[in-house]
Protein backbone atom coordinates (compact mmCIF):
# COMPACT_ATOMS: atom_id res chain seq x y z
CA MET A 1 -17.09 5.72 -4.12
CA LYS A 2 -13.82 7.60 -3.59
CA ILE A 3 -11.75 4.42 -3.16
CA ILE A 4 -13.33 2.77 -6.22
CA LEU A 5 -12.64 5.86 -8.31
CA ILE A 6 -8.99 5.99 -7.24
CA ILE A 7 -8.50 2.27 -7.94
CA TYR A 8 -10.15 2.65 -11.35
CA TYR A 9 -8.00 5.71 -12.07
CA ILE A 10 -4.76 3.89 -11.18
CA PHE A 11 -5.63 0.76 -13.17
CA LEU A 12 -6.57 2.86 -16.19
CA LEU A 13 -3.32 4.81 -15.92
CA ASN A 14 -1.38 1.52 -15.72
CA ASN A 15 -3.03 0.47 -18.96
CA LEU A 16 -2.30 3.83 -20.62
CA GLU A 17 1.31 3.68 -19.47
CA THR A 18 1.65 0.21 -21.04
CA LEU A 19 0.26 1.57 -24.31
CA GLU A 20 2.68 4.51 -24.15
CA LYS A 21 5.67 2.20 -23.53
CA ASN A 22 4.62 0.12 -26.54
CA LYS A 23 4.13 3.28 -28.64
CA ILE A 24 0.41 2.70 -29.19
CA VAL A 25 -2.37 5.28 -29.15
CA HIS A 26 -5.84 3.81 -28.52
CA PHE A 27 -7.86 6.70 -30.06
CA ASP A 28 -11.19 5.33 -28.79
CA LEU A 29 -11.07 5.57 -25.01
CA LYS A 30 -14.54 5.66 -23.52
CA PRO A 31 -16.25 3.89 -20.63
CA GLU A 32 -17.56 1.17 -22.96
CA ASN A 33 -13.97 0.29 -23.88
CA ILE A 34 -12.84 -0.30 -20.33
CA GLY A 35 -13.57 -3.82 -19.23
CA PHE A 36 -12.80 -5.73 -16.09
CA ILE A 37 -11.92 -9.26 -15.17
CA ARG A 38 -11.79 -11.03 -11.85
CA ALA A 39 -8.31 -12.30 -11.03
CA ARG A 40 -7.74 -15.68 -9.37
CA ASP A 41 -7.30 -13.97 -6.01
CA GLY A 42 -10.75 -12.38 -6.37
CA SER A 43 -9.53 -8.87 -7.14
CA ILE A 44 -10.86 -6.92 -10.10
CA LEU A 45 -8.52 -5.85 -12.88
CA TYR A 46 -9.54 -3.12 -15.30
CA LYS A 47 -8.41 -3.44 -18.91
CA ILE A 48 -8.62 -1.21 -21.95
CA ILE A 49 -10.34 -3.15 -24.74
CA ASP A 50 -11.32 -2.69 -28.42
CA PHE A 51 -8.14 -1.73 -30.24
CA GLY A 52 -9.89 -1.36 -33.61
CA SER A 53 -8.98 2.35 -33.77
CA ALA A 54 -5.49 2.04 -32.29
CA PHE A 55 -2.36 3.06 -34.18
CA THR A 56 1.34 2.97 -33.47
CA ILE A 57 3.24 6.21 -32.92
CA ASP A 58 5.22 5.48 -36.11
CA THR A 59 1.98 5.45 -38.14
CA ILE A 60 0.61 8.53 -36.40
CA CYS A 61 3.76 10.50 -37.19
CA THR A 62 3.32 10.07 -40.94
CA GLU A 63 2.23 13.06 -42.96
CA ARG A 64 -0.58 11.03 -44.55
CA PHE A 65 -2.10 10.06 -41.19
CA GLN A 66 -1.98 13.64 -39.89
CA HIS A 67 -3.55 14.91 -43.13
CA GLU A 68 -6.38 12.36 -42.92
CA MET A 69 -7.06 13.28 -39.29
CA ASN A 70 -6.93 17.02 -39.94
CA THR A 71 -9.31 16.78 -42.91
CA ASN A 72 -11.78 14.51 -41.05
CA GLN A 73 -11.14 11.64 -43.46
CA LEU A 74 -10.29 9.53 -40.46
CA VAL A 75 -12.53 9.83 -37.39
CA LEU A 76 -11.56 7.48 -34.62
CA THR A 77 -13.02 8.31 -31.28
CA SER A 78 -16.51 8.66 -29.80
CA LEU A 79 -17.85 12.21 -29.82
CA TYR A 80 -18.16 12.54 -26.04
CA TYR A 81 -14.49 11.72 -25.52
CA ARG A 82 -13.00 13.10 -28.73
CA PRO A 83 -9.99 15.34 -28.03
CA TYR A 84 -9.90 18.94 -29.09
CA GLU A 85 -7.38 18.33 -31.87
CA ALA A 86 -9.65 15.69 -33.45
CA MET A 87 -12.83 17.76 -33.19
CA ILE A 88 -11.38 21.10 -34.29
CA PRO A 89 -8.52 20.13 -36.63
CA ASP A 90 -6.33 23.12 -37.28
CA GLY A 91 -3.59 21.37 -39.24
CA VAL A 92 -1.06 22.49 -36.63
CA GLN A 93 -1.59 20.27 -33.59
CA LEU A 94 -0.36 16.73 -34.08
CA HIS A 95 -2.23 13.70 -32.85
CA THR A 96 -0.23 11.86 -30.19
CA ASN A 97 -0.83 9.67 -27.15
CA LYS A 98 -1.98 12.89 -25.50
CA SER A 99 -5.22 12.36 -27.43
CA ASP A 100 -5.82 9.44 -25.05
CA VAL A 101 -4.99 11.74 -22.12
CA TRP A 102 -7.83 14.11 -23.15
CA SER A 103 -10.25 11.18 -23.35
CA PHE A 104 -9.06 9.96 -19.94
CA GLY A 105 -9.89 13.37 -18.42
CA ALA A 106 -13.37 13.31 -19.97
CA ILE A 107 -13.97 9.78 -18.62
CA VAL A 108 -12.94 10.77 -15.08
CA TYR A 109 -15.28 13.78 -15.25
CA GLU A 110 -18.16 11.51 -16.22
CA MET A 111 -17.28 9.05 -13.44
CA ILE A 112 -17.52 11.82 -10.85
CA THR A 113 -20.61 13.63 -12.15
CA GLY A 114 -22.53 10.88 -13.93
CA ILE A 115 -22.88 12.96 -17.12
CA PRO A 116 -20.59 13.34 -20.13
CA LEU A 117 -18.49 16.50 -20.14
CA PHE A 118 -19.57 17.24 -23.72
CA LYS A 119 -23.17 16.11 -23.49
CA ASP A 120 -24.30 18.73 -26.03
CA ILE A 121 -22.15 17.37 -28.86
CA ASP A 122 -23.79 15.34 -31.61
CA GLU A 123 -22.81 14.14 -35.08
CA TYR A 124 -24.56 17.10 -36.74
CA ASN A 125 -23.30 19.79 -34.38
CA THR A 126 -19.53 19.70 -34.75
CA THR A 127 -18.85 23.21 -36.01
CA LEU A 128 -18.13 26.53 -34.28
CA CYS A 129 -20.36 25.86 -31.29
CA ASN A 130 -18.18 22.88 -30.42
CA GLU A 131 -15.10 25.08 -30.47
CA TYR A 132 -16.84 27.11 -27.76
CA ILE A 133 -17.69 23.93 -25.81
CA PHE A 134 -14.12 22.65 -25.97
CA LYS A 135 -12.55 25.95 -25.03
CA ASN A 136 -14.80 26.07 -21.99
CA ALA A 137 -14.12 22.49 -20.85
CA ILE A 138 -11.58 23.63 -18.29
CA ASN A 139 -13.99 26.24 -16.88
CA THR A 140 -16.65 23.55 -16.59
CA VAL A 141 -14.28 21.36 -14.57
CA LYS A 142 -13.11 24.27 -12.39
CA SER A 143 -16.70 25.10 -11.46
CA MET A 144 -17.54 21.45 -10.74
CA TYR A 145 -18.50 20.75 -7.15
CA VAL A 146 -16.42 18.01 -5.51
CA SER A 147 -17.83 16.74 -2.23
CA CYS A 148 -14.59 16.14 -0.37
CA TYR A 149 -11.25 17.88 -0.12
CA GLU A 150 -9.29 14.74 -1.00
CA MET A 151 -10.95 14.66 -4.43
CA ASP A 152 -9.66 18.12 -5.34
CA TRP A 153 -6.59 16.52 -6.95
CA LEU A 154 -8.95 14.91 -9.49
CA LYS A 155 -10.11 18.35 -10.58
CA LYS A 156 -6.50 19.47 -10.97
CA MET A 157 -5.75 16.34 -12.98
CA MET A 158 -8.75 16.86 -15.28
CA ILE A 159 -7.73 20.48 -15.95
CA LEU A 160 -4.28 19.24 -17.02
CA CYS A 161 -5.84 16.50 -19.21
CA LEU A 162 -8.32 18.80 -20.95
CA ASN A 163 -5.83 21.39 -22.17
CA PRO A 164 -6.74 22.17 -25.81
CA LYS A 165 -3.05 22.61 -26.69
CA VAL A 166 -1.54 19.18 -27.18
CA CYS A 167 1.99 20.41 -26.40
CA ASP A 168 0.80 21.77 -23.01
CA ARG A 169 -1.37 18.77 -22.07
CA ILE A 170 -0.01 16.58 -19.27
CA SER A 171 1.71 13.33 -20.24
CA ILE A 172 0.63 9.89 -19.12
CA SER A 173 3.79 9.45 -17.01
CA ASP A 174 3.21 12.81 -15.28
CA LEU A 175 -0.41 11.83 -14.59
CA TYR A 176 0.83 8.63 -13.00
CA GLN A 177 3.12 10.60 -10.69
CA MET A 178 0.11 12.61 -9.43
CA CYS A 179 -1.30 9.49 -7.72
């Protein structure tokens, strides 16, 4: 399990790094949007798929885009993996490729535990109680039991990914260096 998780983690980070280099934000990272193919040598390659919600950084940086995101006129990502700034728009935090970093952290949590980090979120329950859920995401990860010492770095990585403040959230390139 540990080896598979690390391989999956590295392949996913490779894909995210490619998106970052091409100035694209996926905005809909979730397990269902991570596919795999078998290469000619028999190895498995993981790929991010379904770019229907993706935008370029140039588009994201426009005032119109930020306004639509902050007023919930534009909802892009699945509830279980939706970053703090998309769920609790405050009009201050900008949407960047660090939105994909948040989703990545939530996916890794689910891979380890088998349950979504925000399993109590639903379409009709996205008000103040969700602010509580999001603010306690890091505490949930810190209290998570990890069965082996070598996996402790995954907890550290998730804590850095799930920072509610976009400006303090780890970057994709810094995540890659943690491997």
